[in-house]
Amino acid sequence: MTHSPPRDALERWVTGERVMPLPGRSITGVPAISFEFFPPKTPALEAQLWACVERLATLQPRFVSVTYGAGGSTQERTHATVVRLVQETKLVPAAHLTCVGATREEVDEVARRYWEAGVRHIVALRGDAPAGQTYTPHPGGYAYAADLVAGLKRVADFEITVAAYPEVHPQAVSEAADLDNLKRKLDAGATRAITQVFFENTTFLRFLDKAVAAGITAPIVPGIMPVSNFVQAAKFCTGCGTSVPDWMADLFDGLEDDAETRRMVAAATAAEQVRFLQANGVDEFHFYTLNRPDLVYAIARILGVKPAAV
């Protein structure tokens, strides 16, 4: 007995656009990767963080960044985490540093402490005000990220990464103004930008076109966040101006009590995203790990990134 494909499938094959497969890793190569961690608040979360560090360190990331809470709320925990990374691992840590709630002298002193501890990479951000407040520059501080970048370069010859916003910063007056601000940060001495999370690849690729048109030539690295808890991710995205597409909501619909399936859906979705970007020439990715390594580790393997040989 033979099987005949439905007529509509044959018609689509004959008349439709032919889609070629994604290029193999032998063509695209193995991309550079980096990871973001956040400083722990409790002993249990500290153990989780260092288990995450231990697992992902085997993938030899270009660097790992450690976040800084809104209003500078985790300054000491961030510093302690970064210094421990320097002292106890072979990883290259990048410390987040913001303009919020501090004078220039205080920020400069934090930067000097990092330099003296062996930290050579800073992620320079304007930063967010504490919850419920509106950002206002400190009277004696760095007003914006471009000012912070310039100040850090006066302190020491840091490598500096800044933030980029494919969907425009929520407080930017316009898309053009947001791109102009990104260019000022890079012109002030930053060497790369990492994007806020996004889920539609066309959003990122169009942003690259606009950046080039604005005269930006520095690398812009896509920030990738694997989503396994959709409700939590949607809430986070609402606060940072990231659109959550309907197709993603549909993927996770009805999986609230099925953590294992959520993880599989998350891995497949993020892997599809990064492979498409890689096929379009993207050769570096920054992963927001949420201090949970398994999804990121699996996606890195799909990209061809393997653990270092022992």
C-alpha atoms as a PDB file:
ATOM      1  CA  MET A   1       0.000   0.000   0.000  1.00  0.00           C
ATOM      2  CA  THR A   2       1.404   3.342  -0.988  1.00  0.00           C
ATOM      3  CA  HIS A   3       0.878   6.638   0.743  1.00  0.00           C
ATOM      4  CA  SER A   4      -0.018   9.729  -1.253  1.00  0.00           C
ATOM      5  CA  PRO A   5       0.724  13.128   0.272  1.00  0.00           C
ATOM      6  CA  PRO A   6      -2.259  15.446   0.536  1.00  0.00           C
ATOM      7  CA  ARG A   7      -2.750  17.535  -2.598  1.00  0.00           C
ATOM      8  CA  ASP A   8      -2.326  20.791  -0.685  1.00  0.00           C
ATOM      9  CA  ALA A   9       1.165  19.726   0.428  1.00  0.00           C
ATOM     10  CA  LEU A  10       2.150  18.944  -3.159  1.00  0.00           C
ATOM     11  CA  GLU A  11       0.795  22.263  -4.351  1.00  0.00           C
ATOM     12  CA  ARG A  12       2.728  24.130  -1.672  1.00  0.00           C
ATOM     13  CA  TRP A  13       5.897  22.294  -2.627  1.00  0.00           C
ATOM     14  CA  VAL A  14       5.501  23.090  -6.317  1.00  0.00           C
ATOM     15  CA  THR A  15       4.403  26.710  -5.961  1.00  0.00           C
ATOM     16  CA  GLY A  16       5.817  27.865  -2.647  1.00  0.00           C
ATOM     17  CA  GLU A  17       9.152  29.376  -1.742  1.00  0.00           C
ATOM     18  CA  ARG A  18      11.898  26.789  -1.177  1.00  0.00           C
ATOM     19  CA  VAL A  19      13.454  27.224   2.260  1.00  0.00           C
ATOM     20  CA  MET A  20      16.988  25.956   2.579  1.00  0.00           C
ATOM     21  CA  PRO A  21      18.196  24.340   5.821  1.00  0.00           C
ATOM     22  CA  LEU A  22      20.196  26.334   8.329  1.00  0.00           C
ATOM     23  CA  PRO A  23      23.902  26.148   7.502  1.00  0.00           C
ATOM     24  CA  GLY A  24      25.898  23.538   9.359  1.00  0.00           C
ATOM     25  CA  ARG A  25      28.354  24.424  12.099  1.00  0.00           C
ATOM     26  CA  SER A  26      31.231  23.680   9.731  1.00  0.00           C
ATOM     27  CA  ILE A  27      30.093  26.732   7.779  1.00  0.00           C
ATOM     28  CA  THR A  28      29.009  29.079  10.546  1.00  0.00           C
ATOM     29  CA  GLY A  29      31.745  28.147  13.022  1.00  0.00           C
ATOM     30  CA  VAL A  30      31.486  28.121  16.794  1.00  0.00           C
ATOM     31  CA  PRO A  31      30.333  31.482  18.187  1.00  0.00           C
ATOM     32  CA  ALA A  32      31.731  33.322  21.180  1.00  0.00           C
ATOM     33  CA  ILE A  33      29.471  33.255  24.219  1.00  0.00           C
ATOM     34  CA  SER A  34      29.178  35.065  27.529  1.00  0.00           C
ATOM     35  CA  PHE A  35      26.899  34.703  30.540  1.00  0.00           C
ATOM     36  CA  GLU A  36      25.135  36.935  33.038  1.00  0.00           C
ATOM     37  CA  PHE A  37      24.741  35.995  36.701  1.00  0.00           C
ATOM     38  CA  PHE A  38      23.124  37.855  39.570  1.00  0.00           C
ATOM     39  CA  PRO A  39      24.571  38.082  43.085  1.00  0.00           C
ATOM     40  CA  PRO A  40      22.929  35.776  45.651  1.00  0.00           C
ATOM     41  CA  LYS A  41      20.802  37.043  48.535  1.00  0.00           C
ATOM     42  CA  THR A  42      20.764  33.888  50.691  1.00  0.00           C
ATOM     43  CA  PRO A  43      23.108  30.964  51.400  1.00  0.00           C
ATOM     44  CA  ALA A  44      20.875  28.675  49.332  1.00  0.00           C
ATOM     45  CA  LEU A  45      20.971  31.051  46.366  1.00  0.00           C
ATOM     46  CA  GLU A  46      24.725  31.387  46.774  1.00  0.00           C
ATOM     47  CA  ALA A  47      25.110  27.632  46.464  1.00  0.00           C
ATOM     48  CA  GLN A  48      22.902  27.712  43.363  1.00  0.00           C
ATOM     49  CA  LEU A  49      25.015  30.478  41.821  1.00  0.00           C
ATOM     50  CA  TRP A  50      28.318  28.681  42.312  1.00  0.00           C
ATOM     51  CA  ALA A  51      26.899  25.423  40.979  1.00  0.00           C
ATOM     52  CA  CYS A  52      25.837  27.405  37.900  1.00  0.00           C
ATOM     53  CA  VAL A  53      29.295  28.983  37.600  1.00  0.00           C
ATOM     54  CA  GLU A  54      31.004  25.606  37.899  1.00  0.00           C
ATOM     55  CA  ARG A  55      28.873  24.024  35.165  1.00  0.00           C
ATOM     56  CA  LEU A  56      29.044  26.900  32.680  1.00  0.00           C
ATOM     57  CA  ALA A  57      32.742  27.626  33.254  1.00  0.00           C
ATOM     58  CA  THR A  58      33.559  24.438  31.337  1.00  0.00           C
ATOM     59  CA  LEU A  59      32.261  26.143  28.173  1.00  0.00           C
ATOM     60  CA  GLN A  60      35.021  28.779  28.373  1.00  0.00           C
ATOM     61  CA  PRO A  61      32.866  31.892  27.931  1.00  0.00           C
ATOM     62  CA  ARG A  62      34.514  35.088  26.713  1.00  0.00           C
ATOM     63  CA  PHE A  63      33.433  36.720  29.995  1.00  0.00           C
ATOM     64  CA  VAL A  64      30.728  36.520  32.662  1.00  0.00           C
ATOM     65  CA  SER A  65      28.890  39.557  33.989  1.00  0.00           C
ATOM     66  CA  VAL A  66      27.421  40.094  37.439  1.00  0.00           C
ATOM     67  CA  THR A  67      24.394  42.344  37.787  1.00  0.00           C
ATOM     68  CA  TYR A  68      23.830  45.359  39.982  1.00  0.00           C
ATOM     69  CA  GLY A  69      20.435  45.834  41.626  1.00  0.00           C
ATOM     70  CA  ALA A  70      18.104  48.774  41.083  1.00  0.00           C
ATOM     71  CA  GLY A  71      19.305  51.804  42.999  1.00  0.00           C
ATOM     72  CA  GLY A  72      22.647  50.144  43.665  1.00  0.00           C
ATOM     73  CA  SER A  73      20.948  47.747  46.074  1.00  0.00           C
ATOM     74  CA  THR A  74      23.401  44.861  45.548  1.00  0.00           C
ATOM     75  CA  GLN A  75      26.669  46.787  45.354  1.00  0.00           C
ATOM     76  CA  GLU A  76      28.510  44.845  48.039  1.00  0.00           C
ATOM     77  CA  ARG A  77      27.137  41.460  46.938  1.00  0.00           C
ATOM     78  CA  THR A  78      28.098  42.221  43.350  1.00  0.00           C
ATOM     79  CA  HIS A  79      31.601  43.232  44.441  1.00  0.00           C
ATOM     80  CA  ALA A  80      32.027  40.120  46.576  1.00  0.00           C
ATOM     81  CA  THR A  81      30.829  37.845  43.763  1.00  0.00           C
ATOM     82  CA  VAL A  82      33.098  39.447  41.166  1.00  0.00           C
ATOM     83  CA  VAL A  83      36.155  39.334  43.414  1.00  0.00           C
ATOM     84  CA  ARG A  84      35.516  35.674  44.214  1.00  0.00           C
ATOM     85  CA  LEU A  85      35.301  34.944  40.482  1.00  0.00           C
ATOM     86  CA  VAL A  86      38.720  36.561  40.053  1.00  0.00           C
ATOM     87  CA  GLN A  87      40.264  34.720  42.972  1.00  0.00           C
ATOM     88  CA  GLU A  88      38.742  31.248  42.602  1.00  0.00           C
ATOM     89  CA  THR A  89      38.090  30.716  38.886  1.00  0.00           C
ATOM     90  CA  LYS A  90      39.722  31.223  35.515  1.00  0.00           C
ATOM     91  CA  LEU A  91      36.708  33.160  34.260  1.00  0.00           C
ATOM     92  CA  VAL A  92      36.914  36.790  33.143  1.00  0.00           C
ATOM     93  CA  PRO A  93      34.337  38.687  35.225  1.00  0.00           C
ATOM     94  CA  ALA A  94      32.624  41.901  34.155  1.00  0.00           C
ATOM     95  CA  ALA A  95      31.095  43.913  36.973  1.00  0.00           C
ATOM     96  CA  HIS A  96      27.926  45.905  36.394  1.00  0.00           C
ATOM     97  CA  LEU A  97      28.242  49.508  37.542  1.00  0.00           C
ATOM     98  CA  THR A  98      25.549  52.190  37.421  1.00  0.00           C
ATOM     99  CA  CYS A  99      25.092  55.910  37.898  1.00  0.00           C
ATOM    100  CA  VAL A 100      22.290  55.612  40.453  1.00  0.00           C
ATOM    101  CA  GLY A 101      22.487  57.144  43.918  1.00  0.00           C
ATOM    102  CA  ALA A 102      26.193  57.954  44.075  1.00  0.00           C
ATOM    103  CA  THR A 103      28.590  60.811  43.432  1.00  0.00           C
ATOM    104  CA  ARG A 104      31.263  60.622  40.763  1.00  0.00           C
ATOM    105  CA  GLU A 105      33.861  60.193  43.493  1.00  0.00           C
ATOM    106  CA  GLU A 106      31.979  57.260  45.010  1.00  0.00           C
ATOM    107  CA  VAL A 107      31.566  55.546  41.642  1.00  0.00           C
ATOM    108  CA  ASP A 108      35.225  56.150  40.824  1.00  0.00           C
ATOM    109  CA  GLU A 109      36.225  54.594  44.131  1.00  0.00           C
ATOM    110  CA  VAL A 110      34.185  51.466  43.364  1.00  0.00           C
ATOM    111  CA  ALA A 111      35.884  51.284  39.962  1.00  0.00           C
ATOM    112  CA  ARG A 112      39.330  51.623  41.548  1.00  0.00           C
ATOM    113  CA  ARG A 113      38.491  48.813  43.974  1.00  0.00           C
ATOM    114  CA  TYR A 114      37.593  46.608  41.036  1.00  0.00           C
ATOM    115  CA  TRP A 115      40.803  47.466  39.197  1.00  0.00           C
ATOM    116  CA  GLU A 116      42.909  46.737  42.290  1.00  0.00           C
ATOM    117  CA  ALA A 117      41.114  43.380  42.672  1.00  0.00           C
ATOM    118  CA  GLY A 118      42.078  42.427  39.118  1.00  0.00           C
ATOM    119  CA  VAL A 119      38.777  43.228  37.388  1.00  0.00           C
ATOM    120  CA  ARG A 120      39.385  44.700  33.943  1.00  0.00           C
ATOM    121  CA  HIS A 121      35.888  44.664  32.429  1.00  0.00           C
ATOM    122  CA  ILE A 122      32.901  46.813  33.431  1.00  0.00           C
ATOM    123  CA  VAL A 123      29.314  46.769  32.157  1.00  0.00           C
ATOM    124  CA  ALA A 124      28.435  50.460  32.402  1.00  0.00           C
ATOM    125  CA  LEU A 125      24.743  51.265  32.768  1.00  0.00           C
ATOM    126  CA  ARG A 126      22.679  54.267  33.701  1.00  0.00           C
ATOM    127  CA  GLY A 127      20.777  51.996  36.040  1.00  0.00           C
ATOM    128  CA  ASP A 128      17.226  51.957  37.375  1.00  0.00           C
ATOM    129  CA  ALA A 129      15.809  53.851  40.306  1.00  0.00           C
ATOM    130  CA  PRO A 130      14.422  51.824  43.226  1.00  0.00           C
ATOM    131  CA  ALA A 131      10.953  50.373  42.634  1.00  0.00           C
ATOM    132  CA  GLY A 132       8.253  53.007  42.473  1.00  0.00           C
ATOM    133  CA  GLN A 133      10.661  55.874  41.815  1.00  0.00           C
ATOM    134  CA  THR A 134      11.644  57.763  38.679  1.00  0.00           C
ATOM    135  CA  TYR A 135      15.282  57.976  37.685  1.00  0.00           C
ATOM    136  CA  THR A 136      16.848  61.321  38.541  1.00  0.00           C
ATOM    137  CA  PRO A 137      20.590  61.945  38.105  1.00  0.00           C
ATOM    138  CA  HIS A 138      22.471  62.364  41.374  1.00  0.00           C
ATOM    139  CA  PRO A 139      23.446  66.047  41.753  1.00  0.00           C
ATOM    140  CA  GLY A 140      27.116  65.134  42.049  1.00  0.00           C
ATOM    141  CA  GLY A 141      27.067  61.934  40.030  1.00  0.00           C
ATOM    142  CA  TYR A 142      27.353  60.720  36.490  1.00  0.00           C
ATOM    143  CA  ALA A 143      24.066  61.621  34.842  1.00  0.00           C
ATOM    144  CA  TYR A 144      23.943  58.976  32.123  1.00  0.00           C
ATOM    145  CA  ALA A 145      25.800  55.907  30.882  1.00  0.00           C
ATOM    146  CA  ALA A 146      27.881  57.870  28.359  1.00  0.00           C
ATOM    147  CA  ASP A 147      29.165  60.057  31.207  1.00  0.00           C
ATOM    148  CA  LEU A 148      29.914  56.940  33.259  1.00  0.00           C
ATOM    149  CA  VAL A 149      31.864  55.358  30.398  1.00  0.00           C
ATOM    150  CA  ALA A 150      34.010  58.468  30.012  1.00  0.00           C
ATOM    151  CA  GLY A 151      34.594  58.594  33.769  1.00  0.00           C
ATOM    152  CA  LEU A 152      35.605  54.942  33.958  1.00  0.00           C
ATOM    153  CA  LYS A 153      38.132  55.405  31.167  1.00  0.00           C
ATOM    154  CA  ARG A 154      39.700  58.199  33.220  1.00  0.00           C
ATOM    155  CA  VAL A 155      39.999  55.882  36.226  1.00  0.00           C
ATOM    156  CA  ALA A 156      41.687  53.027  34.340  1.00  0.00           C
ATOM    157  CA  ASP A 157      41.860  51.373  30.950  1.00  0.00           C
ATOM    158  CA  PHE A 158      38.803  49.167  31.488  1.00  0.00           C
ATOM    159  CA  GLU A 159      37.158  47.186  28.741  1.00  0.00           C
ATOM    160  CA  ILE A 160      33.608  48.563  28.814  1.00  0.00           C
ATOM    161  CA  THR A 161      30.351  47.052  27.632  1.00  0.00           C
ATOM    162  CA  VAL A 162      27.117  49.040  27.417  1.00  0.00           C
ATOM    163  CA  ALA A 163      23.447  48.263  26.834  1.00  0.00           C
ATOM    164  CA  ALA A 164      21.476  48.492  23.591  1.00  0.00           C
ATOM    165  CA  TYR A 165      17.716  48.361  23.123  1.00  0.00           C
ATOM    166  CA  PRO A 166      16.347  46.792  19.921  1.00  0.00           C
ATOM    167  CA  GLU A 167      12.834  47.877  20.903  1.00  0.00           C
ATOM    168  CA  VAL A 168      13.959  51.298  22.222  1.00  0.00           C
ATOM    169  CA  HIS A 169      14.605  52.121  25.879  1.00  0.00           C
ATOM    170  CA  PRO A 170      11.262  52.654  27.664  1.00  0.00           C
ATOM    171  CA  GLN A 171      12.299  56.177  28.688  1.00  0.00           C
ATOM    172  CA  ALA A 172      13.830  57.269  25.377  1.00  0.00           C
ATOM    173  CA  VAL A 173      12.100  60.184  23.680  1.00  0.00           C
ATOM    174  CA  SER A 174      12.413  58.531  20.268  1.00  0.00           C
ATOM    175  CA  GLU A 175      14.096  55.697  18.385  1.00  0.00           C
ATOM    176  CA  ALA A 176      16.566  58.135  16.823  1.00  0.00           C
ATOM    177  CA  ALA A 177      17.455  59.582  20.230  1.00  0.00           C
ATOM    178  CA  ASP A 178      17.999  56.107  21.632  1.00  0.00           C
ATOM    179  CA  LEU A 179      20.397  55.211  18.804  1.00  0.00           C
ATOM    180  CA  ASP A 180      22.192  58.513  19.274  1.00  0.00           C
ATOM    181  CA  ASN A 181      22.614  57.711  22.962  1.00  0.00           C
ATOM    182  CA  LEU A 182      24.064  54.295  22.099  1.00  0.00           C
ATOM    183  CA  LYS A 183      26.553  55.925  19.747  1.00  0.00           C
ATOM    184  CA  ARG A 184      27.590  58.412  22.469  1.00  0.00           C
ATOM    185  CA  LYS A 185      28.289  55.536  24.856  1.00  0.00           C
ATOM    186  CA  LEU A 186      30.435  53.772  22.293  1.00  0.00           C
ATOM    187  CA  ASP A 187      32.214  56.966  21.264  1.00  0.00           C
ATOM    188  CA  ALA A 188      32.989  57.632  24.937  1.00  0.00           C
ATOM    189  CA  GLY A 189      35.084  54.476  25.099  1.00  0.00           C
ATOM    190  CA  ALA A 190      32.845  51.388  25.235  1.00  0.00           C
ATOM    191  CA  THR A 191      33.943  48.510  23.016  1.00  0.00           C
ATOM    192  CA  ARG A 192      30.679  46.585  22.577  1.00  0.00           C
ATOM    193  CA  ALA A 193      26.981  46.696  23.338  1.00  0.00           C
ATOM    194  CA  ILE A 194      24.778  43.875  24.606  1.00  0.00           C
ATOM    195  CA  THR A 195      21.087  44.070  23.872  1.00  0.00           C
ATOM    196  CA  GLN A 196      18.126  43.879  26.132  1.00  0.00           C
ATOM    197  CA  VAL A 197      16.301  40.584  25.706  1.00  0.00           C
ATOM    198  CA  PHE A 198      14.110  40.205  22.611  1.00  0.00           C
ATOM    199  CA  PHE A 199      12.148  37.328  21.112  1.00  0.00           C
ATOM    200  CA  GLU A 200      11.558  38.317  17.489  1.00  0.00           C
ATOM    201  CA  ASN A 201      14.763  37.926  15.491  1.00  0.00           C
ATOM    202  CA  THR A 202      13.586  40.394  12.863  1.00  0.00           C
ATOM    203  CA  THR A 203      13.534  43.025  15.614  1.00  0.00           C
ATOM    204  CA  PHE A 204      17.234  42.492  16.282  1.00  0.00           C
ATOM    205  CA  LEU A 205      18.260  42.303  12.623  1.00  0.00           C
ATOM    206  CA  ARG A 206      16.391  45.504  11.776  1.00  0.00           C
ATOM    207  CA  PHE A 207      18.043  47.144  14.766  1.00  0.00           C
ATOM    208  CA  LEU A 208      21.454  46.222  13.340  1.00  0.00           C
ATOM    209  CA  ASP A 209      20.488  47.904  10.062  1.00  0.00           C
ATOM    210  CA  LYS A 210      19.463  51.055  11.916  1.00  0.00           C
ATOM    211  CA  ALA A 211      22.657  51.039  13.999  1.00  0.00           C
ATOM    212  CA  VAL A 212      24.812  50.840  10.878  1.00  0.00           C
ATOM    213  CA  ALA A 213      22.836  53.687   9.323  1.00  0.00           C
ATOM    214  CA  ALA A 214      23.483  55.731  12.485  1.00  0.00           C
ATOM    215  CA  GLY A 215      27.237  55.280  12.090  1.00  0.00           C
ATOM    216  CA  ILE A 216      27.688  52.601  14.757  1.00  0.00           C
ATOM    217  CA  THR A 217      30.472  50.128  13.970  1.00  0.00           C
ATOM    218  CA  ALA A 218      31.137  48.440  17.345  1.00  0.00           C
ATOM    219  CA  PRO A 219      29.883  44.878  17.926  1.00  0.00           C
ATOM    220  CA  ILE A 220      26.275  44.566  19.074  1.00  0.00           C
ATOM    221  CA  VAL A 221      25.752  41.260  20.846  1.00  0.00           C
ATOM    222  CA  PRO A 222      22.245  39.797  21.170  1.00  0.00           C
ATOM    223  CA  GLY A 223      21.097  39.172  24.726  1.00  0.00           C
ATOM    224  CA  ILE A 224      19.288  35.823  24.878  1.00  0.00           C
ATOM    225  CA  MET A 225      17.015  34.763  27.737  1.00  0.00           C
ATOM    226  CA  PRO A 226      15.722  31.183  27.649  1.00  0.00           C
ATOM    227  CA  VAL A 227      12.164  31.257  29.003  1.00  0.00           C
ATOM    228  CA  SER A 228      10.887  28.355  31.069  1.00  0.00           C
ATOM    229  CA  ASN A 229       8.618  30.339  33.415  1.00  0.00           C
ATOM    230  CA  PHE A 230       6.447  32.291  31.001  1.00  0.00           C
ATOM    231  CA  VAL A 231       4.449  34.222  33.604  1.00  0.00           C
ATOM    232  CA  GLN A 232       7.595  35.433  35.336  1.00  0.00           C
ATOM    233  CA  ALA A 233       9.277  36.301  32.037  1.00  0.00           C
ATOM    234  CA  ALA A 234       6.250  38.242  30.768  1.00  0.00           C
ATOM    235  CA  LYS A 235       6.189  40.303  33.959  1.00  0.00           C
ATOM    236  CA  PHE A 236       9.899  41.086  33.615  1.00  0.00           C
ATOM    237  CA  CYS A 237       9.493  42.038  29.954  1.00  0.00           C
ATOM    238  CA  THR A 238       6.663  44.434  30.753  1.00  0.00           C
ATOM    239  CA  GLY A 239       9.035  46.396  32.963  1.00  0.00           C
ATOM    240  CA  CYS A 240      11.879  46.590  30.461  1.00  0.00           C
ATOM    241  CA  GLY A 241       9.943  47.301  27.276  1.00  0.00           C
ATOM    242  CA  THR A 242      10.368  43.923  25.592  1.00  0.00           C
ATOM    243  CA  SER A 243       7.448  42.694  23.501  1.00  0.00           C
ATOM    244  CA  VAL A 244       6.209  39.201  24.276  1.00  0.00           C
ATOM    245  CA  PRO A 245       4.801  37.720  21.043  1.00  0.00           C
ATOM    246  CA  ASP A 246       1.489  35.882  20.991  1.00  0.00           C
ATOM    247  CA  TRP A 247       3.159  32.765  19.608  1.00  0.00           C
ATOM    248  CA  MET A 248       5.240  32.485  22.777  1.00  0.00           C
ATOM    249  CA  ALA A 249       2.181  32.762  24.989  1.00  0.00           C
ATOM    250  CA  ASP A 250       0.570  29.999  22.929  1.00  0.00           C
ATOM    251  CA  LEU A 251       3.630  27.756  23.347  1.00  0.00           C
ATOM    252  CA  PHE A 252       3.376  27.878  27.129  1.00  0.00           C
ATOM    253  CA  ASP A 253      -0.407  27.929  27.412  1.00  0.00           C
ATOM    254  CA  GLY A 254      -1.576  25.126  29.687  1.00  0.00           C
ATOM    255  CA  LEU A 255       1.916  24.218  30.919  1.00  0.00           C
ATOM    256  CA  GLU A 256       1.745  26.036  34.246  1.00  0.00           C
ATOM    257  CA  ASP A 257       1.970  22.752  36.187  1.00  0.00           C
ATOM    258  CA  ASP A 258       4.269  20.916  33.775  1.00  0.00           C
ATOM    259  CA  ALA A 259       7.797  22.120  34.511  1.00  0.00           C
ATOM    260  CA  GLU A 260       9.529  19.424  32.466  1.00  0.00           C
ATOM    261  CA  THR A 261       7.650  20.232  29.266  1.00  0.00           C
ATOM    262  CA  ARG A 262       8.222  23.941  29.870  1.00  0.00           C
ATOM    263  CA  ARG A 263      11.971  23.299  29.976  1.00  0.00           C
ATOM    264  CA  MET A 264      11.864  21.360  26.717  1.00  0.00           C
ATOM    265  CA  VAL A 265       9.822  24.081  25.028  1.00  0.00           C
ATOM    266  CA  ALA A 266      12.220  26.725  26.378  1.00  0.00           C
ATOM    267  CA  ALA A 267      15.283  24.911  25.057  1.00  0.00           C
ATOM    268  CA  ALA A 268      13.752  24.348  21.620  1.00  0.00           C
ATOM    269  CA  THR A 269      12.559  27.956  21.320  1.00  0.00           C
ATOM    270  CA  ALA A 270      15.847  29.551  22.363  1.00  0.00           C
ATOM    271  CA  ALA A 271      17.880  27.124  20.238  1.00  0.00           C
ATOM    272  CA  GLU A 272      15.766  28.003  17.203  1.00  0.00           C
ATOM    273  CA  GLN A 273      16.322  31.687  17.909  1.00  0.00           C
ATOM    274  CA  VAL A 274      20.098  31.491  18.192  1.00  0.00           C
ATOM    275  CA  ARG A 275      20.523  29.159  15.207  1.00  0.00           C
ATOM    276  CA  PHE A 276      18.562  31.558  13.016  1.00  0.00           C
ATOM    277  CA  LEU A 277      20.693  34.480  14.187  1.00  0.00           C
ATOM    278  CA  GLN A 278      23.848  32.445  13.618  1.00  0.00           C
ATOM    279  CA  ALA A 279      22.705  31.690  10.075  1.00  0.00           C
ATOM    280  CA  ASN A 280      22.423  35.454   9.588  1.00  0.00           C
ATOM    281  CA  GLY A 281      26.046  36.038  10.567  1.00  0.00           C
ATOM    282  CA  VAL A 282      25.773  36.586  14.316  1.00  0.00           C
ATOM    283  CA  ASP A 283      28.896  35.116  15.904  1.00  0.00           C
ATOM    284  CA  GLU A 284      28.524  36.102  19.566  1.00  0.00           C
ATOM    285  CA  PHE A 285      25.729  35.603  22.100  1.00  0.00           C
ATOM    286  CA  HIS A 286      25.204  36.790  25.675  1.00  0.00           C
ATOM    287  CA  PHE A 287      22.953  34.563  27.786  1.00  0.00           C
ATOM    288  CA  TYR A 288      20.885  35.764  30.727  1.00  0.00           C
ATOM    289  CA  THR A 289      21.235  32.629  32.841  1.00  0.00           C
ATOM    290  CA  LEU A 290      19.039  33.581  35.822  1.00  0.00           C
ATOM    291  CA  ASN A 291      21.632  31.494  37.711  1.00  0.00           C
ATOM    292  CA  ARG A 292      20.152  28.340  36.154  1.00  0.00           C
ATOM    293  CA  PRO A 293      22.693  26.591  33.927  1.00  0.00           C
ATOM    294  CA  ASP A 294      20.962  23.633  32.299  1.00  0.00           C
ATOM    295  CA  LEU A 295      19.050  25.395  29.522  1.00  0.00           C
ATOM    296  CA  VAL A 296      21.978  27.632  28.637  1.00  0.00           C
ATOM    297  CA  TYR A 297      24.366  24.675  28.641  1.00  0.00           C
ATOM    298  CA  ALA A 298      22.119  22.739  26.250  1.00  0.00           C
ATOM    299  CA  ILE A 299      21.727  25.702  23.893  1.00  0.00           C
ATOM    300  CA  ALA A 300      25.485  26.294  23.877  1.00  0.00           C
ATOM    301  CA  ARG A 301      25.986  22.681  22.817  1.00  0.00           C
ATOM    302  CA  ILE A 302      23.508  23.144  19.982  1.00  0.00           C
ATOM    303  CA  LEU A 303      25.636  26.087  18.851  1.00  0.00           C
ATOM    304  CA  GLY A 304      28.664  23.821  18.839  1.00  0.00           C
ATOM    305  CA  VAL A 305      30.234  25.116  22.051  1.00  0.00           C
ATOM    306  CA  LYS A 306      31.706  22.144  23.922  1.00  0.00           C
ATOM    307  CA  PRO A 307      33.325  21.805  27.327  1.00  0.00           C
ATOM    308  CA  ALA A 308      37.050  22.330  27.458  1.00  0.00           C
ATOM    309  CA  ALA A 309      39.066  19.122  27.312  1.00  0.00           C
ATOM    310  CA  VAL A 310      40.388  18.087  30.716  1.00  0.00           C
END
